């Protein structure tokens, strides 16, 4: 729903929806809020801060948006919060949002390039944590 509002540039409606579910913590809401702030002149000054928060919440999203990591042919069966499967599901559903505007794609790439090392470390930490949590399953980690 939020993606359709953003694609249609129904920014006020998207803002209302985000406020209605402001306690939701998912890649959808973090990245949608950043996108909305970038596109609303009254909120533009906070857009970088919101995108940085989104990237820290789920650092995998830009990797899939930019094609650094290849999208799987099948979407993940299980999705966590802030994890790689969530990023895959988000990108599969949101690629049109981020790919529909050269300015937004450029902005995303500029912020990503500034944060690339930090985001890579976050991904490594998340992957290490995931291996620890699921070590009892051996190689049968949920995807």
N, C-alpha and C. Protein backbone atom coordinates (compact mmCIF):
# COMPACT_ATOMS: atom_id res chain seq x y z
N UNK A 1 0.81 -1.20 0.00
CA UNK A 1 0.00 0.00 0.00
C UNK A 1 0.86 1.27 0.00
N UNK A 2 1.86 1.32 0.91
CA UNK A 2 2.69 2.53 1.00
C UNK A 2 3.44 2.75 -0.31
N UNK A 3 3.90 1.67 -0.94
CA UNK A 3 4.63 1.82 -2.20
C UNK A 3 3.76 2.42 -3.29
N UNK A 4 2.52 1.99 -3.37
CA UNK A 4 1.62 2.53 -4.39
C UNK A 4 1.42 4.03 -4.19
N UNK A 5 1.25 4.43 -2.93
CA UNK A 5 1.08 5.87 -2.64
C UNK A 5 2.32 6.65 -3.04
N UNK A 6 3.49 6.10 -2.77
CA UNK A 6 4.73 6.80 -3.12
C UNK A 6 4.92 6.87 -4.63
N UNK A 7 4.63 5.79 -5.33
CA UNK A 7 4.76 5.78 -6.79
C UNK A 7 3.82 6.80 -7.42
N UNK A 8 2.61 6.88 -6.88
CA UNK A 8 1.62 7.83 -7.40
C UNK A 8 1.84 9.26 -6.91
N UNK A 9 2.90 9.44 -6.11
CA UNK A 9 3.25 10.75 -5.53
C UNK A 9 2.12 11.30 -4.66
N UNK A 10 1.37 10.39 -4.05
CA UNK A 10 0.34 10.80 -3.09
C UNK A 10 1.02 10.90 -1.72
N UNK A 11 1.88 11.91 -1.62
CA UNK A 11 2.77 12.05 -0.48
C UNK A 11 2.03 12.34 0.82
N UNK A 12 0.98 13.14 0.76
CA UNK A 12 0.22 13.43 1.98
C UNK A 12 -0.44 12.16 2.51
N UNK A 13 -1.00 11.35 1.60
CA UNK A 13 -1.61 10.09 2.01
C UNK A 13 -0.56 9.13 2.58
N UNK A 14 0.61 9.10 1.95
CA UNK A 14 1.69 8.25 2.45
C UNK A 14 2.13 8.71 3.84
N UNK A 15 2.22 10.01 4.02
CA UNK A 15 2.57 10.55 5.33
C UNK A 15 1.54 10.19 6.39
N UNK A 16 0.26 10.27 6.02
CA UNK A 16 -0.81 9.88 6.96
C UNK A 16 -0.67 8.41 7.35
N UNK A 17 -0.40 7.56 6.37
CA UNK A 17 -0.27 6.13 6.64
C UNK A 17 0.94 5.86 7.56
N UNK A 18 2.04 6.54 7.29
CA UNK A 18 3.22 6.36 8.14
C UNK A 18 2.95 6.81 9.57
N UNK A 19 2.23 7.91 9.73
CA UNK A 19 1.89 8.38 11.08
C UNK A 19 0.95 7.39 11.78
N UNK A 20 0.04 6.81 11.03
CA UNK A 20 -0.90 5.86 11.60
C UNK A 20 -0.19 4.63 12.17
N UNK A 21 0.90 4.24 11.52
CA UNK A 21 1.65 3.06 11.94
C UNK A 21 3.06 3.43 12.39
N UNK A 22 3.19 4.55 13.08
CA UNK A 22 4.51 5.07 13.44
C UNK A 22 5.31 4.13 14.34
N UNK A 23 4.67 3.21 15.01
CA UNK A 23 5.38 2.26 15.87
C UNK A 23 5.86 1.03 15.12
N UNK A 24 5.55 0.93 13.84
CA UNK A 24 5.99 -0.20 13.03
C UNK A 24 7.50 -0.08 12.78
N UNK A 25 8.21 -1.16 12.98
CA UNK A 25 9.65 -1.16 12.72
C UNK A 25 9.94 -2.22 11.67
N UNK A 26 10.01 -1.76 10.44
CA UNK A 26 10.33 -2.66 9.33
C UNK A 26 11.03 -1.84 8.25
N UNK A 27 11.67 -2.54 7.34
CA UNK A 27 12.33 -1.85 6.24
C UNK A 27 11.32 -1.01 5.45
N UNK A 28 10.11 -1.53 5.30
CA UNK A 28 9.09 -0.77 4.57
C UNK A 28 8.91 0.61 5.15
N UNK A 29 8.76 0.71 6.44
CA UNK A 29 8.46 2.00 7.05
C UNK A 29 9.69 2.89 7.13
N UNK A 30 10.85 2.33 7.46
CA UNK A 30 12.05 3.15 7.52
C UNK A 30 12.40 3.74 6.15
N UNK A 31 12.43 2.89 5.13
CA UNK A 31 12.81 3.37 3.80
C UNK A 31 11.72 4.23 3.17
N UNK A 32 10.46 3.92 3.45
CA UNK A 32 9.36 4.74 2.92
C UNK A 32 9.39 6.13 3.53
N UNK A 33 9.70 6.20 4.80
CA UNK A 33 9.78 7.52 5.45
C UNK A 33 10.91 8.35 4.84
N UNK A 34 12.06 7.73 4.60
CA UNK A 34 13.17 8.44 3.97
C UNK A 34 12.78 8.93 2.57
N UNK A 35 12.14 8.06 1.81
CA UNK A 35 11.69 8.43 0.45
C UNK A 35 10.71 9.60 0.52
N UNK A 36 9.77 9.51 1.43
CA UNK A 36 8.77 10.57 1.59
C UNK A 36 9.45 11.89 1.96
N UNK A 37 10.37 11.87 2.91
CA UNK A 37 11.04 13.10 3.34
C UNK A 37 11.84 13.70 2.19
N UNK A 38 12.46 12.86 1.37
CA UNK A 38 13.22 13.38 0.23
C UNK A 38 12.30 14.11 -0.74
N UNK A 39 11.09 13.63 -0.89
CA UNK A 39 10.17 14.18 -1.87
C UNK A 39 9.26 15.30 -1.35
N UNK A 40 9.27 15.55 -0.06
CA UNK A 40 8.45 16.62 0.51
C UNK A 40 9.36 17.79 0.87
N UNK A 41 9.22 18.91 0.18
CA UNK A 41 10.10 20.06 0.46
C UNK A 41 10.15 20.44 1.94
N UNK A 42 9.04 20.34 2.65
CA UNK A 42 9.02 20.73 4.06
C UNK A 42 9.80 19.76 4.95
N UNK A 43 10.09 18.58 4.46
CA UNK A 43 10.79 17.56 5.24
C UNK A 43 12.18 17.25 4.70
N UNK A 44 12.54 17.85 3.58
CA UNK A 44 13.78 17.51 2.88
C UNK A 44 15.02 17.63 3.76
N UNK A 45 15.00 18.59 4.68
CA UNK A 45 16.16 18.80 5.54
C UNK A 45 16.46 17.58 6.42
N UNK A 46 15.46 16.73 6.65
CA UNK A 46 15.64 15.54 7.49
C UNK A 46 15.79 14.25 6.68
N UNK A 47 15.77 14.36 5.37
CA UNK A 47 15.78 13.15 4.53
C UNK A 47 17.05 12.33 4.72
N UNK A 48 18.21 12.98 4.74
CA UNK A 48 19.46 12.23 4.91
C UNK A 48 19.45 11.46 6.23
N UNK A 49 19.03 12.11 7.29
CA UNK A 49 18.97 11.47 8.61
C UNK A 49 18.05 10.25 8.58
N UNK A 50 16.92 10.37 7.89
CA UNK A 50 15.98 9.24 7.81
C UNK A 50 16.54 8.10 6.97
N UNK A 51 17.23 8.43 5.89
CA UNK A 51 17.82 7.36 5.06
C UNK A 51 18.94 6.66 5.81
N UNK A 52 19.73 7.41 6.54
CA UNK A 52 20.80 6.81 7.34
C UNK A 52 20.20 5.87 8.39
N UNK A 53 19.12 6.30 9.03
CA UNK A 53 18.44 5.43 10.02
C UNK A 53 17.91 4.17 9.34
N UNK A 54 17.36 4.31 8.14
CA UNK A 54 16.85 3.15 7.40
C UNK A 54 17.99 2.19 7.07
N UNK A 55 19.10 2.73 6.60
CA UNK A 55 20.23 1.89 6.23
C UNK A 55 20.83 1.18 7.45
N UNK A 56 20.84 1.86 8.58
CA UNK A 56 21.35 1.22 9.80
C UNK A 56 20.38 0.14 10.28
N UNK A 57 19.08 0.38 10.09
CA UNK A 57 18.08 -0.61 10.48
C UNK A 57 18.22 -1.86 9.63
N UNK A 58 18.31 -1.67 8.31
CA UNK A 58 18.49 -2.81 7.41
C UNK A 58 19.53 -2.45 6.35
N UNK A 59 20.79 -2.77 6.63
CA UNK A 59 21.87 -2.40 5.70
C UNK A 59 21.91 -3.22 4.42
N UNK A 60 21.10 -4.26 4.33
CA UNK A 60 21.09 -5.11 3.15
C UNK A 60 20.30 -4.51 1.99
N UNK A 61 19.36 -3.64 2.29
CA UNK A 61 18.48 -3.09 1.24
C UNK A 61 19.27 -2.47 0.10
N UNK A 62 20.22 -1.55 0.36
CA UNK A 62 20.95 -0.97 -0.78
C UNK A 62 21.73 -2.00 -1.60
N UNK A 63 22.20 -3.05 -0.94
CA UNK A 63 22.95 -4.08 -1.66
C UNK A 63 22.11 -4.73 -2.74
N UNK A 64 20.83 -4.92 -2.45
CA UNK A 64 19.92 -5.51 -3.43
C UNK A 64 19.38 -4.47 -4.40
N UNK A 65 19.14 -3.27 -3.93
CA UNK A 65 18.67 -2.22 -4.85
C UNK A 65 19.70 -1.92 -5.93
N UNK A 66 20.99 -1.93 -5.56
CA UNK A 66 22.05 -1.63 -6.51
C UNK A 66 22.54 -2.86 -7.28
N UNK A 67 22.04 -4.03 -6.93
CA UNK A 67 22.47 -5.25 -7.61
C UNK A 67 23.83 -5.75 -7.15
N UNK A 68 24.31 -5.25 -6.01
CA UNK A 68 25.58 -5.73 -5.44
C UNK A 68 25.41 -7.18 -5.03
N UNK A 69 24.25 -7.48 -4.48
CA UNK A 69 23.87 -8.86 -4.21
C UNK A 69 22.71 -9.19 -5.14
N UNK A 70 22.77 -10.37 -5.69
CA UNK A 70 21.76 -10.80 -6.65
C UNK A 70 20.49 -11.26 -5.94
N UNK A 71 19.36 -10.80 -6.45
CA UNK A 71 18.08 -11.23 -5.91
C UNK A 71 17.89 -12.72 -6.18
N UNK A 72 17.40 -13.45 -5.19
CA UNK A 72 17.13 -14.88 -5.42
C UNK A 72 15.92 -15.05 -6.33
N UNK A 73 15.84 -16.20 -6.93
CA UNK A 73 14.71 -16.48 -7.81
C UNK A 73 13.42 -16.69 -7.02
N UNK A 74 13.58 -17.14 -5.78
CA UNK A 74 12.43 -17.40 -4.91
C UNK A 74 12.58 -16.51 -3.68
N UNK A 75 11.49 -15.86 -3.31
CA UNK A 75 11.53 -15.01 -2.13
C UNK A 75 11.69 -15.85 -0.87
N UNK A 76 12.30 -15.28 0.16
CA UNK A 76 12.51 -16.03 1.40
C UNK A 76 11.20 -16.48 2.03
N UNK A 77 11.25 -17.65 2.62
CA UNK A 77 10.08 -18.19 3.28
C UNK A 77 9.85 -17.49 4.63
N UNK A 78 10.94 -17.16 5.30
CA UNK A 78 10.87 -16.51 6.61
C UNK A 78 11.54 -15.15 6.54
N UNK A 79 10.90 -14.17 7.14
CA UNK A 79 11.42 -12.81 7.13
C UNK A 79 11.51 -12.32 8.57
N UNK A 80 12.69 -11.81 8.93
CA UNK A 80 12.88 -11.25 10.25
C UNK A 80 12.78 -9.73 10.20
N UNK A 81 13.22 -9.12 11.26
CA UNK A 81 13.22 -7.67 11.34
C UNK A 81 14.66 -7.20 11.17
N UNK A 82 14.90 -6.40 10.14
CA UNK A 82 16.23 -5.86 9.89
C UNK A 82 17.21 -6.86 9.32
N UNK A 83 16.71 -7.99 8.83
CA UNK A 83 17.62 -9.02 8.32
C UNK A 83 17.64 -9.05 6.79
N UNK A 84 18.48 -9.90 6.26
CA UNK A 84 18.64 -10.00 4.81
C UNK A 84 17.37 -10.47 4.10
N UNK A 85 16.67 -11.49 4.63
CA UNK A 85 15.42 -11.87 3.98
C UNK A 85 14.40 -10.73 3.92
N UNK A 86 14.36 -9.90 4.97
CA UNK A 86 13.45 -8.75 4.93
C UNK A 86 13.85 -7.80 3.80
N UNK A 87 15.15 -7.58 3.64
CA UNK A 87 15.64 -6.71 2.57
C UNK A 87 15.24 -7.25 1.20
N UNK A 88 15.37 -8.54 1.02
CA UNK A 88 15.01 -9.17 -0.26
C UNK A 88 13.53 -8.96 -0.54
N UNK A 89 12.70 -9.23 0.47
CA UNK A 89 11.25 -9.05 0.30
C UNK A 89 10.91 -7.59 0.03
N UNK A 90 11.56 -6.69 0.75
CA UNK A 90 11.30 -5.26 0.57
C UNK A 90 11.68 -4.82 -0.85
N UNK A 91 12.86 -5.18 -1.29
CA UNK A 91 13.33 -4.76 -2.62
C UNK A 91 12.44 -5.36 -3.71
N UNK A 92 12.04 -6.61 -3.55
CA UNK A 92 11.17 -7.22 -4.55
C UNK A 92 9.88 -6.42 -4.70
N UNK A 93 9.40 -5.88 -3.62
CA UNK A 93 8.15 -5.13 -3.63
C UNK A 93 8.34 -3.63 -3.90
N UNK A 94 9.56 -3.13 -3.72
CA UNK A 94 9.78 -1.67 -3.74
C UNK A 94 10.73 -1.18 -4.83
N UNK A 95 11.20 -2.05 -5.68
CA UNK A 95 12.17 -1.64 -6.70
C UNK A 95 11.62 -0.52 -7.59
N UNK A 96 10.33 -0.57 -7.87
CA UNK A 96 9.73 0.46 -8.71
C UNK A 96 9.77 1.83 -8.03
N UNK A 97 9.61 1.84 -6.72
CA UNK A 97 9.66 3.10 -5.98
C UNK A 97 11.03 3.75 -6.15
N UNK A 98 12.07 2.99 -5.87
CA UNK A 98 13.43 3.54 -5.89
C UNK A 98 13.99 3.69 -7.29
N UNK A 99 13.49 2.92 -8.24
CA UNK A 99 14.01 2.98 -9.59
C UNK A 99 13.27 3.93 -10.50
N UNK A 100 12.22 4.57 -10.00
CA UNK A 100 11.38 5.41 -10.86
C UNK A 100 11.85 6.85 -10.98
N UNK A 101 12.88 7.21 -10.24
CA UNK A 101 13.30 8.61 -10.20
C UNK A 101 14.83 8.66 -10.11
N UNK A 102 15.46 9.28 -11.11
CA UNK A 102 16.92 9.36 -11.12
C UNK A 102 17.46 10.12 -9.91
N UNK A 103 16.75 11.14 -9.48
CA UNK A 103 17.22 11.94 -8.34
C UNK A 103 17.24 11.12 -7.05
N UNK A 104 16.21 10.33 -6.86
CA UNK A 104 16.15 9.51 -5.64
C UNK A 104 17.22 8.43 -5.68
N UNK A 105 17.44 7.84 -6.84
CA UNK A 105 18.47 6.81 -6.98
C UNK A 105 19.86 7.42 -6.74
N UNK A 106 20.08 8.62 -7.25
CA UNK A 106 21.36 9.30 -7.04
C UNK A 106 21.57 9.60 -5.56
N UNK A 107 20.53 10.12 -4.91
CA UNK A 107 20.61 10.43 -3.49
C UNK A 107 20.93 9.17 -2.69
N UNK A 108 20.24 8.08 -2.98
CA UNK A 108 20.50 6.81 -2.31
C UNK A 108 21.96 6.39 -2.49
N UNK A 109 22.47 6.52 -3.69
CA UNK A 109 23.85 6.10 -3.95
C UNK A 109 24.86 6.99 -3.23
N UNK A 110 24.60 8.29 -3.14
CA UNK A 110 25.51 9.20 -2.44
C UNK A 110 25.58 8.84 -0.95
N UNK A 111 24.42 8.64 -0.33
CA UNK A 111 24.40 8.29 1.09
C UNK A 111 25.04 6.91 1.30
N UNK A 112 24.73 5.97 0.43
CA UNK A 112 25.32 4.63 0.54
C UNK A 112 26.84 4.70 0.45
N UNK A 113 27.36 5.45 -0.51
CA UNK A 113 28.80 5.54 -0.67
C UNK A 113 29.48 6.13 0.57
N UNK A 114 28.83 7.08 1.22
CA UNK A 114 29.37 7.66 2.45
C UNK A 114 29.38 6.65 3.59
N UNK A 115 28.44 5.73 3.56
CA UNK A 115 28.27 4.79 4.68
C UNK A 115 28.71 3.37 4.36
N UNK A 116 29.25 3.15 3.20
CA UNK A 116 29.51 1.77 2.75
C UNK A 116 30.29 0.94 3.76
N UNK A 117 31.37 1.45 4.31
CA UNK A 117 32.17 0.67 5.26
C UNK A 117 31.36 0.35 6.51
N UNK A 118 30.65 1.33 7.04
CA UNK A 118 29.83 1.10 8.23
C UNK A 118 28.74 0.07 7.96
N UNK A 119 28.11 0.17 6.79
CA UNK A 119 27.05 -0.78 6.46
C UNK A 119 27.60 -2.19 6.27
N UNK A 120 28.77 -2.30 5.67
CA UNK A 120 29.39 -3.62 5.51
C UNK A 120 29.67 -4.26 6.88
N UNK A 121 30.13 -3.44 7.83
CA UNK A 121 30.38 -3.95 9.18
C UNK A 121 29.06 -4.37 9.84
N UNK A 122 28.02 -3.59 9.65
CA UNK A 122 26.71 -3.96 10.20
C UNK A 122 26.23 -5.29 9.63
N UNK A 123 26.41 -5.48 8.33
CA UNK A 123 26.02 -6.75 7.70
C UNK A 123 26.82 -7.90 8.30
N UNK A 124 28.11 -7.71 8.47
CA UNK A 124 28.96 -8.75 9.06
C UNK A 124 28.49 -9.09 10.47
N UNK A 125 28.19 -8.07 11.27
CA UNK A 125 27.72 -8.29 12.64
C UNK A 125 26.38 -9.04 12.64
N UNK A 126 25.48 -8.64 11.75
CA UNK A 126 24.18 -9.31 11.68
C UNK A 126 24.34 -10.77 11.26
N UNK A 127 25.24 -11.02 10.31
CA UNK A 127 25.45 -12.39 9.85
C UNK A 127 26.11 -13.24 10.94
N UNK A 128 27.05 -12.64 11.68
CA UNK A 128 27.69 -13.36 12.78
C UNK A 128 26.65 -13.68 13.86
N UNK A 129 25.82 -12.72 14.19
CA UNK A 129 24.76 -12.92 15.19
C UNK A 129 23.80 -14.03 14.73
N UNK A 130 23.45 -14.00 13.47
CA UNK A 130 22.53 -15.01 12.93
C UNK A 130 23.13 -16.40 13.02
N UNK A 131 24.41 -16.52 12.67
CA UNK A 131 25.08 -17.83 12.76
C UNK A 131 25.10 -18.33 14.21
N UNK A 132 25.35 -17.42 15.14
CA UNK A 132 25.37 -17.78 16.56
C UNK A 132 23.99 -18.26 17.02
N UNK A 133 22.96 -17.53 16.66
CA UNK A 133 21.61 -17.87 17.09
C UNK A 133 21.13 -19.20 16.52
N UNK A 134 21.62 -19.52 15.32
CA UNK A 134 21.13 -20.72 14.65
C UNK A 134 22.19 -21.81 14.52
N UNK A 135 23.27 -21.73 15.31
CA UNK A 135 24.35 -22.71 15.16
C UNK A 135 23.89 -24.12 15.44
N UNK A 136 22.88 -24.28 16.27
CA UNK A 136 22.38 -25.63 16.57
C UNK A 136 21.75 -26.29 15.34
N UNK A 137 21.40 -25.48 14.32
CA UNK A 137 20.80 -26.03 13.11
C UNK A 137 21.87 -26.39 12.07
N UNK A 138 23.12 -26.12 12.36
CA UNK A 138 24.20 -26.40 11.42
C UNK A 138 24.05 -25.60 10.15
N UNK A 139 24.07 -26.26 9.04
CA UNK A 139 23.96 -25.59 7.74
C UNK A 139 22.51 -25.33 7.33
N UNK A 140 21.59 -25.67 8.18
CA UNK A 140 20.16 -25.53 7.86
C UNK A 140 19.59 -24.22 8.39
N UNK A 141 20.31 -23.13 8.17
CA UNK A 141 19.82 -21.83 8.62
C UNK A 141 18.57 -21.45 7.84
N UNK A 142 17.60 -20.87 8.53
CA UNK A 142 16.43 -20.38 7.78
C UNK A 142 16.87 -19.25 6.85
N UNK A 143 16.25 -19.18 5.69
CA UNK A 143 16.61 -18.12 4.75
C UNK A 143 15.50 -17.12 4.63
